[in-house]
Amino acid sequence: MKKLIIPIMIIAILVAFFEQVSAEKNVYITVVAIVVFMFGMMQLSAKTPSKNKEKEDKDV
């Protein structure tokens, strides 16, 4: 899954940057690219363990 999400995120950011430098900016394409990137970041960061996990375990 990670191998699929990272290239999609890179493509989304490249599209967003390309839209920003183009003469005719399309806001909708930029917004969709940013949403795709943020969704990918959410998926990747969901697997990262919390730093506070050890503190929470000690408190219980």
PDB file of N, CA and C in Angstrom:
ATOM      1  N   MET A   1       0.830  -1.193   0.000  1.00  0.00           N
ATOM      2  CA  MET A   1       0.000   0.000   0.000  1.00  0.00           C
ATOM      3  C   MET A   1       0.872   1.253   0.000  1.00  0.00           C
ATOM      4  N   LYS A   2       1.945   1.208   0.817  1.00  0.00           N
ATOM      5  CA  LYS A   2       2.834   2.356   0.924  1.00  0.00           C
ATOM      6  C   LYS A   2       3.496   2.655  -0.419  1.00  0.00           C
ATOM      7  N   LYS A   3       3.813   1.606  -1.170  1.00  0.00           N
ATOM      8  CA  LYS A   3       4.454   1.781  -2.468  1.00  0.00           C
ATOM      9  C   LYS A   3       3.509   2.405  -3.488  1.00  0.00           C
ATOM     10  N   LEU A   4       2.217   2.316  -3.257  1.00  0.00           N
ATOM     11  CA  LEU A   4       1.233   2.911  -4.150  1.00  0.00           C
ATOM     12  C   LEU A   4       0.920   4.347  -3.753  1.00  0.00           C
ATOM     13  N   ILE A   5       0.873   4.621  -2.467  1.00  0.00           N
ATOM     14  CA  ILE A   5       0.487   5.945  -1.982  1.00  0.00           C
ATOM     15  C   ILE A   5       1.552   6.995  -2.279  1.00  0.00           C
ATOM     16  N   ILE A   6       2.815   6.662  -2.071  1.00  0.00           N
ATOM     17  CA  ILE A   6       3.889   7.645  -2.240  1.00  0.00           C
ATOM     18  C   ILE A   6       3.964   8.177  -3.673  1.00  0.00           C
ATOM     19  N   PRO A   7       3.940   7.341  -4.727  1.00  0.00           N
ATOM     20  CA  PRO A   7       3.958   7.913  -6.087  1.00  0.00           C
ATOM     21  C   PRO A   7       2.727   8.766  -6.403  1.00  0.00           C
ATOM     22  N   ILE A   8       1.574   8.366  -5.887  1.00  0.00           N
ATOM     23  CA  ILE A   8       0.366   9.157  -6.114  1.00  0.00           C
ATOM     24  C   ILE A   8       0.505  10.525  -5.454  1.00  0.00           C
ATOM     25  N   MET A   9       1.087  10.569  -4.262  1.00  0.00           N
ATOM     26  CA  MET A   9       1.292  11.843  -3.576  1.00  0.00           C
ATOM     27  C   MET A   9       2.286  12.724  -4.333  1.00  0.00           C
ATOM     28  N   ILE A  10       3.337  12.128  -4.855  1.00  0.00           N
ATOM     29  CA  ILE A  10       4.324  12.894  -5.614  1.00  0.00           C
ATOM     30  C   ILE A  10       3.688  13.484  -6.873  1.00  0.00           C
ATOM     31  N   ILE A  11       2.880  12.687  -7.557  1.00  0.00           N
ATOM     32  CA  ILE A  11       2.197  13.181  -8.755  1.00  0.00           C
ATOM     33  C   ILE A  11       1.234  14.313  -8.393  1.00  0.00           C
ATOM     34  N   ALA A  12       0.520  14.172  -7.293  1.00  0.00           N
ATOM     35  CA  ALA A  12      -0.429  15.213  -6.868  1.00  0.00           C
ATOM     36  C   ALA A  12       0.296  16.521  -6.574  1.00  0.00           C
ATOM     37  N   ILE A  13       1.436  16.463  -5.905  1.00  0.00           N
ATOM     38  CA  ILE A  13       2.181  17.683  -5.595  1.00  0.00           C
ATOM     39  C   ILE A  13       2.749  18.302  -6.866  1.00  0.00           C
ATOM     40  N   LEU A  14       3.246  17.474  -7.789  1.00  0.00           N
ATOM     41  CA  LEU A  14       3.760  18.002  -9.054  1.00  0.00           C
ATOM     42  C   LEU A  14       2.654  18.700  -9.847  1.00  0.00           C
ATOM     43  N   VAL A  15       1.459  18.121  -9.842  1.00  0.00           N
ATOM     44  CA  VAL A  15       0.328  18.748 -10.530  1.00  0.00           C
ATOM     45  C   VAL A  15      -0.021  20.075  -9.866  1.00  0.00           C
ATOM     46  N   ALA A  16      -0.022  20.109  -8.537  1.00  0.00           N
ATOM     47  CA  ALA A  16      -0.341  21.350  -7.826  1.00  0.00           C
ATOM     48  C   ALA A  16       0.695  22.436  -8.123  1.00  0.00           C
ATOM     49  N   PHE A  17       1.972  22.071  -8.128  1.00  0.00           N
ATOM     50  CA  PHE A  17       3.016  23.045  -8.443  1.00  0.00           C
ATOM     51  C   PHE A  17       2.911  23.514  -9.898  1.00  0.00           C
ATOM     52  N   PHE A  18       2.624  22.601 -10.808  1.00  0.00           N
ATOM     53  CA  PHE A  18       2.490  22.961 -12.207  1.00  0.00           C
ATOM     54  C   PHE A  18       1.332  23.940 -12.407  1.00  0.00           C
ATOM     55  N   GLU A  19       0.245  23.714 -11.712  1.00  0.00           N
ATOM     56  CA  GLU A  19      -0.898  24.613 -11.831  1.00  0.00           C
ATOM     57  C   GLU A  19      -0.585  26.004 -11.283  1.00  0.00           C
ATOM     58  N   GLN A  20       0.242  26.079 -10.270  1.00  0.00           N
ATOM     59  CA  GLN A  20       0.581  27.378  -9.694  1.00  0.00           C
ATOM     60  C   GLN A  20       1.455  28.217 -10.620  1.00  0.00           C
ATOM     61  N   VAL A  21       2.302  27.594 -11.408  1.00  0.00           N
ATOM     62  CA  VAL A  21       3.201  28.348 -12.285  1.00  0.00           C
ATOM     63  C   VAL A  21       2.614  28.550 -13.683  1.00  0.00           C
ATOM     64  N   SER A  22       1.513  27.911 -13.996  1.00  0.00           N
ATOM     65  CA  SER A  22       0.927  28.064 -15.329  1.00  0.00           C
ATOM     66  C   SER A  22       0.250  29.432 -15.463  1.00  0.00           C
ATOM     67  N   ALA A  23       0.062  29.852 -16.699  1.00  0.00           N
ATOM     68  CA  ALA A  23      -0.543  31.161 -16.969  1.00  0.00           C
ATOM     69  C   ALA A  23      -2.019  31.182 -16.552  1.00  0.00           C
ATOM     70  N   GLU A  24      -2.723  30.109 -16.865  1.00  0.00           N
ATOM     71  CA  GLU A  24      -4.138  30.017 -16.485  1.00  0.00           C
ATOM     72  C   GLU A  24      -4.257  29.054 -15.313  1.00  0.00           C
ATOM     73  N   LYS A  25      -4.394  29.599 -14.132  1.00  0.00           N
ATOM     74  CA  LYS A  25      -4.472  28.766 -12.929  1.00  0.00           C
ATOM     75  C   LYS A  25      -5.890  28.213 -12.764  1.00  0.00           C
ATOM     76  N   ASN A  26      -5.983  26.913 -12.572  1.00  0.00           N
ATOM     77  CA  ASN A  26      -7.265  26.278 -12.303  1.00  0.00           C
ATOM     78  C   ASN A  26      -7.275  25.891 -10.824  1.00  0.00           C
ATOM     79  N   VAL A  27      -8.095  26.565 -10.054  1.00  0.00           N
ATOM     80  CA  VAL A  27      -8.134  26.367  -8.609  1.00  0.00           C
ATOM     81  C   VAL A  27      -8.629  24.972  -8.256  1.00  0.00           C
ATOM     82  N   TYR A  28      -9.558  24.451  -9.017  1.00  0.00           N
ATOM     83  CA  TYR A  28     -10.128  23.148  -8.707  1.00  0.00           C
ATOM     84  C   TYR A  28      -9.093  22.030  -8.814  1.00  0.00           C
ATOM     85  N   ILE A  29      -8.246  22.095  -9.826  1.00  0.00           N
ATOM     86  CA  ILE A  29      -7.196  21.082  -9.971  1.00  0.00           C
ATOM     87  C   ILE A  29      -6.218  21.170  -8.800  1.00  0.00           C
ATOM     88  N   THR A  30      -5.875  22.390  -8.407  1.00  0.00           N
ATOM     89  CA  THR A  30      -4.962  22.574  -7.278  1.00  0.00           C
ATOM     90  C   THR A  30      -5.571  22.039  -5.991  1.00  0.00           C
ATOM     91  N   VAL A  31      -6.822  22.310  -5.761  1.00  0.00           N
ATOM     92  CA  VAL A  31      -7.503  21.845  -4.548  1.00  0.00           C
ATOM     93  C   VAL A  31      -7.573  20.324  -4.528  1.00  0.00           C
ATOM     94  N   VAL A  32      -7.899  19.707  -5.642  1.00  0.00           N
ATOM     95  CA  VAL A  32      -7.971  18.241  -5.706  1.00  0.00           C
ATOM     96  C   VAL A  32      -6.595  17.636  -5.455  1.00  0.00           C
ATOM     97  N   ALA A  33      -5.550  18.236  -6.021  1.00  0.00           N
ATOM     98  CA  ALA A  33      -4.196  17.727  -5.816  1.00  0.00           C
ATOM     99  C   ALA A  33      -3.804  17.823  -4.347  1.00  0.00           C
ATOM    100  N   ILE A  34      -4.145  18.912  -3.692  1.00  0.00           N
ATOM    101  CA  ILE A  34      -3.818  19.072  -2.272  1.00  0.00           C
ATOM    102  C   ILE A  34      -4.612  18.086  -1.421  1.00  0.00           C
ATOM    103  N   VAL A  35      -5.861  17.863  -1.755  1.00  0.00           N
ATOM    104  CA  VAL A  35      -6.684  16.906  -1.010  1.00  0.00           C
ATOM    105  C   VAL A  35      -6.114  15.493  -1.155  1.00  0.00           C
ATOM    106  N   VAL A  36      -5.691  15.132  -2.356  1.00  0.00           N
ATOM    107  CA  VAL A  36      -5.090  13.811  -2.571  1.00  0.00           C
ATOM    108  C   VAL A  36      -3.808  13.684  -1.749  1.00  0.00           C
ATOM    109  N   PHE A  37      -2.988  14.742  -1.745  1.00  0.00           N
ATOM    110  CA  PHE A  37      -1.760  14.717  -0.964  1.00  0.00           C
ATOM    111  C   PHE A  37      -2.056  14.575   0.528  1.00  0.00           C
ATOM    112  N   MET A  38      -3.002  15.330   1.042  1.00  0.00           N
ATOM    113  CA  MET A  38      -3.330  15.264   2.469  1.00  0.00           C
ATOM    114  C   MET A  38      -3.923  13.900   2.843  1.00  0.00           C
ATOM    115  N   PHE A  39      -4.723  13.319   1.964  1.00  0.00           N
ATOM    116  CA  PHE A  39      -5.256  11.985   2.222  1.00  0.00           C
ATOM    117  C   PHE A  39      -4.130  10.957   2.287  1.00  0.00           C
ATOM    118  N   GLY A  40      -3.152  11.096   1.383  1.00  0.00           N
ATOM    119  CA  GLY A  40      -1.997  10.202   1.405  1.00  0.00           C
ATOM    120  C   GLY A  40      -1.179  10.356   2.674  1.00  0.00           C
ATOM    121  N   MET A  41      -0.990  11.600   3.115  1.00  0.00           N
ATOM    122  CA  MET A  41      -0.257  11.841   4.363  1.00  0.00           C
ATOM    123  C   MET A  41      -1.003  11.241   5.548  1.00  0.00           C
ATOM    124  N   MET A  42      -2.320  11.338   5.524  1.00  0.00           N
ATOM    125  CA  MET A  42      -3.119  10.764   6.603  1.00  0.00           C
ATOM    126  C   MET A  42      -2.964   9.240   6.636  1.00  0.00           C
ATOM    127  N   GLN A  43      -2.959   8.616   5.477  1.00  0.00           N
ATOM    128  CA  GLN A  43      -2.803   7.164   5.401  1.00  0.00           C
ATOM    129  C   GLN A  43      -1.418   6.729   5.880  1.00  0.00           C
ATOM    130  N   LEU A  44      -0.389   7.484   5.498  1.00  0.00           N
ATOM    131  CA  LEU A  44       0.967   7.120   5.900  1.00  0.00           C
ATOM    132  C   LEU A  44       1.211   7.368   7.387  1.00  0.00           C
ATOM    133  N   SER A  45       0.665   8.457   7.912  1.00  0.00           N
ATOM    134  CA  SER A  45       0.907   8.770   9.317  1.00  0.00           C
ATOM    135  C   SER A  45       0.043   7.931  10.259  1.00  0.00           C
ATOM    136  N   ALA A  46      -0.971   7.268   9.752  1.00  0.00           N
ATOM    137  CA  ALA A  46      -1.817   6.422  10.595  1.00  0.00           C
ATOM    138  C   ALA A  46      -1.027   5.221  11.117  1.00  0.00           C
ATOM    139  N   LYS A  47      -0.005   4.815  10.404  1.00  0.00           N
ATOM    140  CA  LYS A  47       0.794   3.658  10.796  1.00  0.00           C
ATOM    141  C   LYS A  47       1.905   4.022  11.783  1.00  0.00           C
ATOM    142  N   THR A  48       2.148   5.305  11.990  1.00  0.00           N
ATOM    143  CA  THR A  48       3.217   5.751  12.873  1.00  0.00           C
ATOM    144  C   THR A  48       2.740   5.684  14.328  1.00  0.00           C
ATOM    145  N   PRO A  49       3.493   5.027  15.191  1.00  0.00           N
ATOM    146  CA  PRO A  49       3.073   4.945  16.597  1.00  0.00           C
ATOM    147  C   PRO A  49       3.228   6.299  17.298  1.00  0.00           C
ATOM    148  N   SER A  50       2.415   6.519  18.285  1.00  0.00           N
ATOM    149  CA  SER A  50       2.443   7.767  19.034  1.00  0.00           C
ATOM    150  C   SER A  50       3.596   7.775  20.024  1.00  0.00           C
ATOM    151  N   LYS A  51       4.188   8.956  20.257  1.00  0.00           N
ATOM    152  CA  LYS A  51       5.239   9.081  21.264  1.00  0.00           C
ATOM    153  C   LYS A  51       4.656   8.953  22.669  1.00  0.00           C
ATOM    154  N   ASN A  52       3.411   9.323  22.825  1.00  0.00           N
ATOM    155  CA  ASN A  52       2.764   9.316  24.138  1.00  0.00           C
ATOM    156  C   ASN A  52       2.230   7.946  24.528  1.00  0.00           C
ATOM    157  N   LYS A  53       2.402   6.958  23.683  1.00  0.00           N
ATOM    158  CA  LYS A  53       1.895   5.615  23.963  1.00  0.00           C
ATOM    159  C   LYS A  53       2.506   5.048  25.233  1.00  0.00           C
ATOM    160  N   GLU A  54       3.819   5.249  25.428  1.00  0.00           N
ATOM    161  CA  GLU A  54       4.481   4.726  26.621  1.00  0.00           C
ATOM    162  C   GLU A  54       3.973   5.436  27.880  1.00  0.00           C
ATOM    163  N   LYS A  55       3.764   6.725  27.804  1.00  0.00           N
ATOM    164  CA  LYS A  55       3.257   7.478  28.959  1.00  0.00           C
ATOM    165  C   LYS A  55       1.853   7.035  29.326  1.00  0.00           C
ATOM    166  N   GLU A  56       1.025   6.812  28.303  1.00  0.00           N
ATOM    167  CA  GLU A  56      -0.342   6.376  28.554  1.00  0.00           C
ATOM    168  C   GLU A  56      -0.368   4.989  29.192  1.00  0.00           C
ATOM    169  N   ASP A  57       0.521   4.112  28.761  1.00  0.00           N
ATOM    170  CA  ASP A  57       0.584   2.765  29.331  1.00  0.00           C
ATOM    171  C   ASP A  57       1.022   2.796  30.793  1.00  0.00           C
ATOM    172  N   LYS A  58       1.953   3.671  31.148  1.00  0.00           N
ATOM    173  CA  LYS A  58       2.442   3.782  32.524  1.00  0.00           C
ATOM    174  C   LYS A  58       1.362   4.348  33.452  1.00  0.00           C
ATOM    175  N   ASP A  59       0.562   5.264  32.931  1.00  0.00           N
ATOM    176  CA  ASP A  59      -0.491   5.886  33.745  1.00  0.00           C
ATOM    177  C   ASP A  59      -1.601   4.912  34.085  1.00  0.00           C
ATOM    178  N   VAL A  60      -1.834   3.929  33.264  1.00  0.00           N
ATOM    179  CA  VAL A  60      -2.940   2.991  33.471  1.00  0.00           C
ATOM    180  C   VAL A  60      -2.565   1.913  34.392  1.00  0.00           C
TER     181      VAL A  60
END
